[in-house]
Every structure is written in C-alpha cells, then in structure tokens.
Amino acid sequence: MSETIAQKQDALTAEFAELSDWRQRYREIIAIGKALPELDEEKRADQFKVRGCQSQVWLHAELDGGVIRFEGDSDAAIVRGLVALVLRVFSGHSPAEILASDVTFVDAIGLSEHLSQTRSNGLSAMLKQIKMYAAAFAAVLARSGADEGA
C-alpha cells in the first residue's frame, strides 16, 4: 500500500528534523531540487506557469488511473527544491485525497518562518495550484462517473 499524503508529510518532517540548522536545510532543499527530472519544453508553456511566484515556476498535472501525476520546475535553485517537495507530497494521489489534505509540512519543517515573503507567497501559490488541479480533476471524474451511470 502506498503512503498517504499525511505519511509523506511526516516523513519529510522527520527528514528535515535531522538537519541541525537552516543552512543545512537550504542545502538539502537545493539538492532535492537538483534531483528533480527536467521538465519537457512543451510543459514549460505559459498555461502551466504558476501565477504569484517571483521566480518562474511551472506545474503540469495529468490524471492517470484516478491519481494525479504532477511534474514541475523552476528557474531558481531554492524554488526548484520547493517544487520538488510539493511534488513529493502530492503526486500520485487522487483528487479527493489532495482536496481533503491539510498542508502540514510547510510549518513543520520551518519553511513559513525561514523563507522570504516572496518565496513564501510563491509556495502558497504552488499549493493553491495543486488544489485547483485536484478540484478540476475531481470534477472530470464526477462527470465521467455520471456519464457511465446514464
């Protein structure tokens, strides 16, 4: 059985709890971002840009067997790491799971207090975009279920 969103957030929190200071945490976030696969050029289109981020951020989502697969990227190292963290938590879950989840890892690992205001706003915009994709895919699934029943 795969991990729940809450379990993934708990694991991330535990991983960052082992790092003693914020320099180490920033380095870890950047390293996680460097490991993020390159985003295909067609997925760097304007329609996939996250509005509200100072850096350029792209989030692409597709529904695959009832779960959402997210891909993303950024032109800034630390932000690319934040994208990778968000994708690690939410990718591979159903729209309903994503919509029902609370985002706990941001506060739990101290991002809210250690990110600049602009990066914090950008992270909030990414999380909002994830929820918007989930809501859109939930509507698609609801319609297809209604169509099958007709």
C-alpha atoms as a PDB file:
ATOM      1  CA  MET A   1       0.000   0.000   0.000  1.00  0.00           C
ATOM      2  CA  SER A   2       1.307   3.427  -0.881  1.00  0.00           C
ATOM      3  CA  GLU A   3       1.899   6.172   1.625  1.00  0.00           C
ATOM      4  CA  THR A   4      -0.830   8.676   2.390  1.00  0.00           C
ATOM      5  CA  ILE A   5      -0.247  12.403   1.982  1.00  0.00           C
ATOM      6  CA  ALA A   6      -0.066  12.724   5.779  1.00  0.00           C
ATOM      7  CA  GLN A   7       2.565   9.962   5.965  1.00  0.00           C
ATOM      8  CA  LYS A   8       4.631  11.631   3.241  1.00  0.00           C
ATOM      9  CA  GLN A   9       4.482  14.929   5.137  1.00  0.00           C
ATOM     10  CA  ASP A  10       5.501  13.191   8.370  1.00  0.00           C
ATOM     11  CA  ALA A  11       8.456  11.533   6.598  1.00  0.00           C
ATOM     12  CA  LEU A  12       9.549  14.882   5.154  1.00  0.00           C
ATOM     13  CA  THR A  13       9.266  16.493   8.580  1.00  0.00           C
ATOM     14  CA  ALA A  14      11.391  13.715  10.114  1.00  0.00           C
ATOM     15  CA  GLU A  15      13.970  14.016   7.323  1.00  0.00           C
ATOM     16  CA  PHE A  16      14.362  17.753   7.933  1.00  0.00           C
ATOM     17  CA  ALA A  17      14.347  17.365  11.735  1.00  0.00           C
ATOM     18  CA  GLU A  18      17.689  15.561  11.398  1.00  0.00           C
ATOM     19  CA  LEU A  19      19.294  18.687   9.898  1.00  0.00           C
ATOM     20  CA  SER A  20      20.615  20.886  12.663  1.00  0.00           C
ATOM     21  CA  ASP A  21      20.437  24.363  11.129  1.00  0.00           C
ATOM     22  CA  TRP A  22      18.873  26.315   8.307  1.00  0.00           C
ATOM     23  CA  ARG A  23      22.000  26.385   6.146  1.00  0.00           C
ATOM     24  CA  GLN A  24      21.848  22.581   6.059  1.00  0.00           C
ATOM     25  CA  ARG A  25      18.120  22.672   5.333  1.00  0.00           C
ATOM     26  CA  TYR A  26      18.582  25.116   2.454  1.00  0.00           C
ATOM     27  CA  ARG A  27      21.343  22.929   1.033  1.00  0.00           C
ATOM     28  CA  GLU A  28      19.056  19.894   1.307  1.00  0.00           C
ATOM     29  CA  ILE A  29      16.189  21.720  -0.435  1.00  0.00           C
ATOM     30  CA  ILE A  30      18.550  22.741  -3.264  1.00  0.00           C
ATOM     31  CA  ALA A  31      19.894  19.148  -3.534  1.00  0.00           C
ATOM     32  CA  ILE A  32      16.333  17.788  -3.720  1.00  0.00           C
ATOM     33  CA  GLY A  33      15.624  20.327  -6.478  1.00  0.00           C
ATOM     34  CA  LYS A  34      18.710  19.279  -8.432  1.00  0.00           C
ATOM     35  CA  ALA A  35      17.402  15.696  -8.434  1.00  0.00           C
ATOM     36  CA  LEU A  36      14.079  16.799  -9.941  1.00  0.00           C
ATOM     37  CA  PRO A  37      13.766  15.490 -13.521  1.00  0.00           C
ATOM     38  CA  GLU A  38      13.925  18.095 -16.286  1.00  0.00           C
ATOM     39  CA  LEU A  39      10.524  19.300 -17.437  1.00  0.00           C
ATOM     40  CA  ASP A  40       9.814  18.833 -21.142  1.00  0.00           C
ATOM     41  CA  GLU A  41       9.871  22.085 -23.088  1.00  0.00           C
ATOM     42  CA  GLU A  42       6.179  21.856 -24.089  1.00  0.00           C
ATOM     43  CA  LYS A  43       5.275  21.688 -20.389  1.00  0.00           C
ATOM     44  CA  ARG A  44       7.084  24.998 -19.832  1.00  0.00           C
ATOM     45  CA  ALA A  45       4.284  26.726 -21.704  1.00  0.00           C
ATOM     46  CA  ASP A  46       2.614  29.806 -20.290  1.00  0.00           C
ATOM     47  CA  GLN A  47      -0.555  27.899 -19.336  1.00  0.00           C
ATOM     48  CA  PHE A  48       1.453  25.818 -16.854  1.00  0.00           C
ATOM     49  CA  LYS A  49       3.107  28.802 -15.133  1.00  0.00           C
ATOM     50  CA  VAL A  50       2.174  29.354 -11.521  1.00  0.00           C
ATOM     51  CA  ARG A  51       0.978  32.913 -11.010  1.00  0.00           C
ATOM     52  CA  GLY A  52       2.163  34.640  -7.856  1.00  0.00           C
ATOM     53  CA  CYS A  53       5.721  33.323  -7.910  1.00  0.00           C
ATOM     54  CA  GLN A  54       8.590  35.770  -8.269  1.00  0.00           C
ATOM     55  CA  SER A  55      10.678  33.072  -9.975  1.00  0.00           C
ATOM     56  CA  GLN A  56       9.357  31.207 -12.973  1.00  0.00           C
ATOM     57  CA  VAL A  57       7.543  28.072 -11.830  1.00  0.00           C
ATOM     58  CA  TRP A  58       5.733  25.548 -13.975  1.00  0.00           C
ATOM     59  CA  LEU A  59       3.357  22.873 -12.689  1.00  0.00           C
ATOM     60  CA  HIS A  60       1.925  20.278 -15.035  1.00  0.00           C
ATOM     61  CA  ALA A  61      -0.642  17.689 -13.977  1.00  0.00           C
ATOM     62  CA  GLU A  62      -2.321  14.756 -15.623  1.00  0.00           C
ATOM     63  CA  LEU A  63      -4.902  12.291 -14.405  1.00  0.00           C
ATOM     64  CA  ASP A  64      -3.577   8.741 -14.638  1.00  0.00           C
ATOM     65  CA  GLY A  65      -5.778   5.888 -13.437  1.00  0.00           C
ATOM     66  CA  GLY A  66      -7.611   8.039 -10.901  1.00  0.00           C
ATOM     67  CA  VAL A  67      -4.488   9.677  -9.446  1.00  0.00           C
ATOM     68  CA  ILE A  68      -2.793  12.910 -10.391  1.00  0.00           C
ATOM     69  CA  ARG A  69       0.795  12.824 -11.625  1.00  0.00           C
ATOM     70  CA  PHE A  70       2.483  16.177 -11.149  1.00  0.00           C
ATOM     71  CA  GLU A  71       5.622  17.471 -12.834  1.00  0.00           C
ATOM     72  CA  GLY A  72       7.220  20.823 -12.203  1.00  0.00           C
ATOM     73  CA  ASP A  73      10.256  23.012 -12.490  1.00  0.00           C
ATOM     74  CA  SER A  74      11.620  26.435 -11.664  1.00  0.00           C
ATOM     75  CA  ASP A  75      14.411  28.667 -12.892  1.00  0.00           C
ATOM     76  CA  ALA A  76      15.638  29.283  -9.313  1.00  0.00           C
ATOM     77  CA  ALA A  77      17.540  26.623  -7.326  1.00  0.00           C
ATOM     78  CA  ILE A  78      15.784  27.002  -3.962  1.00  0.00           C
ATOM     79  CA  VAL A  79      12.358  27.291  -5.618  1.00  0.00           C
ATOM     80  CA  ARG A  80      13.065  24.190  -7.716  1.00  0.00           C
ATOM     81  CA  GLY A  81      13.659  22.401  -4.416  1.00  0.00           C
ATOM     82  CA  LEU A  82      10.341  23.676  -3.055  1.00  0.00           C
ATOM     83  CA  VAL A  83       8.627  22.420  -6.223  1.00  0.00           C
ATOM     84  CA  ALA A  84      10.249  19.004  -5.667  1.00  0.00           C
ATOM     85  CA  LEU A  85       8.994  18.896  -2.054  1.00  0.00           C
ATOM     86  CA  VAL A  86       5.441  19.754  -3.121  1.00  0.00           C
ATOM     87  CA  LEU A  87       5.516  17.110  -5.867  1.00  0.00           C
ATOM     88  CA  ARG A  88       6.914  14.501  -3.461  1.00  0.00           C
ATOM     89  CA  VAL A  89       3.960  15.055  -1.130  1.00  0.00           C
ATOM     90  CA  PHE A  90       1.068  15.319  -3.615  1.00  0.00           C
ATOM     91  CA  SER A  91       1.945  13.427  -6.805  1.00  0.00           C
ATOM     92  CA  GLY A  92       0.342  10.005  -7.133  1.00  0.00           C
ATOM     93  CA  HIS A  93      -2.757  10.763  -5.068  1.00  0.00           C
ATOM     94  CA  SER A  94      -6.399  11.040  -6.023  1.00  0.00           C
ATOM     95  CA  PRO A  95      -8.064  14.438  -6.399  1.00  0.00           C
ATOM     96  CA  ALA A  96     -10.234  13.649  -3.346  1.00  0.00           C
ATOM     97  CA  GLU A  97      -7.174  12.842  -1.192  1.00  0.00           C
ATOM     98  CA  ILE A  98      -5.453  16.058  -2.239  1.00  0.00           C
ATOM     99  CA  LEU A  99      -8.541  18.188  -1.617  1.00  0.00           C
ATOM    100  CA  ALA A 100      -9.086  16.601   1.815  1.00  0.00           C
ATOM    101  CA  SER A 101      -5.475  17.006   2.926  1.00  0.00           C
ATOM    102  CA  ASP A 102      -4.070  19.681   5.178  1.00  0.00           C
ATOM    103  CA  VAL A 103      -0.640  21.023   4.313  1.00  0.00           C
ATOM    104  CA  THR A 104       1.402  20.481   7.487  1.00  0.00           C
ATOM    105  CA  PHE A 105       4.978  20.109   6.249  1.00  0.00           C
ATOM    106  CA  VAL A 106       5.470  23.822   5.466  1.00  0.00           C
ATOM    107  CA  ASP A 107       5.141  24.820   9.131  1.00  0.00           C
ATOM    108  CA  ALA A 108       6.543  21.551  10.483  1.00  0.00           C
ATOM    109  CA  ILE A 109       9.917  21.943   8.787  1.00  0.00           C
ATOM    110  CA  GLY A 110      10.023  25.694   9.415  1.00  0.00           C
ATOM    111  CA  LEU A 111       9.571  26.940   5.874  1.00  0.00           C
ATOM    112  CA  SER A 112       6.984  29.542   6.870  1.00  0.00           C
ATOM    113  CA  GLU A 113       9.408  31.290   9.188  1.00  0.00           C
ATOM    114  CA  HIS A 114      12.619  30.904   7.146  1.00  0.00           C
ATOM    115  CA  LEU A 115      11.526  31.723   3.606  1.00  0.00           C
ATOM    116  CA  SER A 116      11.439  35.296   2.358  1.00  0.00           C
ATOM    117  CA  GLN A 117       7.967  36.795   1.954  1.00  0.00           C
ATOM    118  CA  THR A 118       8.140  36.466  -1.841  1.00  0.00           C
ATOM    119  CA  ARG A 119       9.191  32.798  -1.671  1.00  0.00           C
ATOM    120  CA  SER A 120       6.507  32.119   0.928  1.00  0.00           C
ATOM    121  CA  ASN A 121       3.918  33.697  -1.373  1.00  0.00           C
ATOM    122  CA  GLY A 122       5.237  31.593  -4.259  1.00  0.00           C
ATOM    123  CA  LEU A 123       4.996  28.391  -2.214  1.00  0.00           C
ATOM    124  CA  SER A 124       1.411  29.301  -1.272  1.00  0.00           C
ATOM    125  CA  ALA A 125       0.640  29.888  -4.967  1.00  0.00           C
ATOM    126  CA  MET A 126       2.073  26.440  -5.836  1.00  0.00           C
ATOM    127  CA  LEU A 127      -0.023  24.758  -3.148  1.00  0.00           C
ATOM    128  CA  LYS A 128      -3.120  26.632  -4.329  1.00  0.00           C
ATOM    129  CA  GLN A 129      -2.419  25.482  -7.911  1.00  0.00           C
ATOM    130  CA  ILE A 130      -2.115  21.851  -6.729  1.00  0.00           C
ATOM    131  CA  LYS A 131      -5.547  22.139  -5.064  1.00  0.00           C
ATOM    132  CA  MET A 132      -7.002  23.791  -8.200  1.00  0.00           C
ATOM    133  CA  TYR A 133      -5.754  20.914 -10.380  1.00  0.00           C
ATOM    134  CA  ALA A 134      -7.260  18.467  -7.891  1.00  0.00           C
ATOM    135  CA  ALA A 135     -10.625  20.271  -7.955  1.00  0.00           C
ATOM    136  CA  ALA A 136     -10.647  20.302 -11.770  1.00  0.00           C
ATOM    137  CA  PHE A 137      -9.792  16.595 -11.990  1.00  0.00           C
ATOM    138  CA  ALA A 138     -12.378  15.772  -9.287  1.00  0.00           C
ATOM    139  CA  ALA A 139     -14.999  17.465 -11.483  1.00  0.00           C
ATOM    140  CA  VAL A 140     -13.823  15.469 -14.524  1.00  0.00           C
ATOM    141  CA  LEU A 141     -14.061  12.215 -12.544  1.00  0.00           C
ATOM    142  CA  ALA A 142     -17.520  13.141 -11.217  1.00  0.00           C
ATOM    143  CA  ARG A 143     -18.761  13.892 -14.754  1.00  0.00           C
ATOM    144  CA  SER A 144     -17.314  10.674 -16.180  1.00  0.00           C
ATOM    145  CA  GLY A 145     -18.930   8.707 -13.348  1.00  0.00           C
ATOM    146  CA  ALA A 146     -22.245  10.404 -14.058  1.00  0.00           C
ATOM    147  CA  ASP A 147     -21.852   9.660 -17.784  1.00  0.00           C
ATOM    148  CA  GLU A 148     -21.211   5.962 -17.095  1.00  0.00           C
ATOM    149  CA  GLY A 149     -24.339   5.761 -14.955  1.00  0.00           C
ATOM    150  CA  ALA A 150     -26.560   7.300 -17.662  1.00  0.00           C
END
